[in-house]
Protein backbone atom coordinates (compact mmCIF):
# COMPACT_ATOMS: atom_id res chain seq x y z
CA MET A 1 0.00 0.00 0.00
CA MET A 2 2.79 2.38 0.87
CA ILE A 3 4.47 1.69 -2.48
CA ASN A 4 1.27 2.51 -4.36
CA MET A 5 0.94 5.77 -2.44
CA ALA A 6 4.55 6.63 -3.19
CA ARG A 7 3.97 5.97 -6.90
CA TRP A 8 0.84 8.11 -6.84
CA MET A 9 2.67 10.96 -5.09
CA TYR A 10 5.47 10.75 -7.63
CA PHE A 11 2.97 10.78 -10.52
CA VAL A 12 1.10 13.78 -9.08
CA GLY A 13 4.37 15.57 -8.36
CA GLU A 14 5.48 15.22 -11.97
CA ASN A 15 2.11 16.35 -13.33
CA PHE A 16 1.13 18.84 -10.65
CA GLU A 17 0.29 21.61 -13.12
CA ILE A 18 -2.10 19.33 -15.01
CA PHE A 19 -3.86 18.20 -11.82
CA ALA A 20 -4.06 21.74 -10.44
CA GLY A 21 -5.38 23.06 -13.75
CA ALA A 22 -7.98 20.30 -13.99
CA PHE A 23 -9.07 20.99 -10.41
CA LEU A 24 -9.41 24.71 -11.08
CA ILE A 25 -11.44 24.02 -14.20
CA ALA A 26 -13.69 21.65 -12.27
CA ILE A 27 -14.41 24.11 -9.44
CA ASN A 28 -14.95 27.07 -11.78
CA MET A 29 -18.61 26.38 -12.53
CA PRO A 30 -19.79 25.58 -8.99
CA LEU A 31 -17.84 28.52 -7.58
CA GLY A 32 -19.30 31.04 -10.00
CA TRP A 33 -22.92 29.91 -10.04
CA VAL A 34 -23.24 29.04 -6.36
CA GLY A 35 -21.48 32.22 -5.27
CA LEU A 36 -23.60 34.37 -7.55
CA GLY A 37 -26.82 32.66 -6.51
CA TYR A 38 -26.02 32.85 -2.82
CA PHE A 39 -25.29 36.56 -2.85
CA LEU A 40 -28.25 37.39 -5.10
CA LYS A 41 -30.54 35.56 -2.68
CA LYS A 42 -28.91 37.30 0.26
CA ALA A 43 -29.32 40.67 -1.50
CA SER A 44 -33.01 40.07 -2.12
CA ARG A 45 -33.56 39.12 1.53
CA THR A 46 -31.51 41.86 3.16
CA LYS A 47 -32.01 44.62 0.54
CA ARG A 48 -28.29 45.40 0.72
CA LYS A 49 -26.80 46.41 -2.63
CA ILE A 50 -23.30 45.35 -1.58
CA CYS A 51 -24.43 41.72 -1.86
CA TYR A 52 -25.01 42.22 -5.60
CA PHE A 53 -21.46 43.48 -5.87
CA PHE A 54 -20.05 40.45 -4.03
CA GLY A 55 -22.08 38.07 -6.19
CA ILE A 56 -20.77 39.61 -9.39
CA LEU A 57 -17.26 39.72 -7.93
CA ILE A 58 -17.33 35.99 -7.16
CA TYR A 59 -18.69 35.24 -10.63
CA ILE A 60 -15.86 37.23 -12.23
CA PHE A 61 -13.37 35.50 -9.91
CA SER A 62 -14.63 32.13 -11.18
CA TRP A 63 -13.68 33.19 -14.70
CA VAL A 64 -10.20 34.09 -13.46
CA VAL A 65 -10.00 30.61 -11.88
CA LEU A 66 -11.01 29.08 -15.22
CA ALA A 67 -8.39 31.10 -17.10
CA PHE A 68 -5.68 30.08 -14.65
CA GLY A 69 -6.76 26.43 -14.93
CA VAL A 70 -6.55 26.61 -18.72
CA PHE A 71 -3.13 28.25 -18.41
CA LEU A 72 -1.87 25.44 -16.15
CA CYS A 73 -3.09 22.41 -18.08
CA GLY A 74 -3.21 23.78 -21.62
CA LYS A 75 -6.02 24.70 -23.98
CA GLU A 76 -6.47 21.27 -25.57
CA LEU A 77 -6.73 19.38 -22.28
CA ALA A 78 -8.97 22.07 -20.80
CA LEU A 79 -11.39 21.76 -23.71
CA ARG A 80 -11.46 17.98 -23.29
CA ILE A 81 -12.08 18.28 -19.54
CA ILE A 82 -14.89 20.76 -20.07
CA ALA A 83 -16.47 18.73 -22.86
CA HIS A 84 -16.27 15.41 -21.01
CA TYR A 85 -16.99 16.42 -17.41
CA ARG A 86 -19.33 19.43 -17.77
CA TRP A 87 -22.53 17.49 -17.02
CA TYR A 88 -20.90 15.63 -14.12
CA ILE A 89 -19.86 18.94 -12.59
CA ILE A 90 -23.35 20.39 -13.07
CA PHE A 91 -24.96 17.27 -11.58
CA VAL A 92 -22.68 17.23 -8.53
CA THR A 93 -23.22 20.96 -7.99
CA ILE A 94 -27.01 20.55 -8.08
CA LEU A 95 -26.81 17.50 -5.84
CA VAL A 96 -24.71 19.30 -3.23
CA LEU A 97 -27.01 22.33 -3.32
CA ALA A 98 -30.06 20.09 -2.87
CA ILE A 99 -28.46 18.32 0.10
CA VAL A 100 -27.51 21.63 1.72
CA PHE A 101 -31.03 22.98 1.13
CA ILE A 102 -32.64 19.87 2.66
CA ILE A 103 -30.33 19.91 5.69
CA LYS A 104 -30.98 23.61 6.21
CA ARG A 105 -34.76 23.05 6.14
CA ILE A 106 -34.51 20.13 8.56
CA LEU A 107 -32.40 22.15 11.00
CA LYS A 108 -34.77 25.11 10.70
CA LYS A 109 -37.76 22.88 11.53
CA LYS A 110 -35.94 21.40 14.54
CA ILE A 111 -35.15 24.88 15.84
CA GLU A 112 -38.76 25.99 15.34
CA ASN A 113 -40.05 22.90 17.18
CA LYS A 114 -37.84 23.62 20.19
CA THR A 115 -39.23 27.13 20.68
């Protein structure tokens, strides 16, 4: 087991830029859409205009993350990653948001029942 881990660490070490770029490309979409949605919802609830600014800022930051990911792993590989894994990333993002939403509602109901 230790030998396999050492091989994996060596492989990742040699290809760190590719792994880092692929990771940045993968988190780009959830970061941008979730951040924008969160702050837009917060802005509509609190009526604070600064929340709109933060939402747009996070969305723009997600594009910077994408550009840096493309820079690290190269244009060709980035296009393949986006083409192949786009729907997986969207599905996982929606799944995580649904789980967070359900947990938040359950906790809110428990707090309401205690009072």
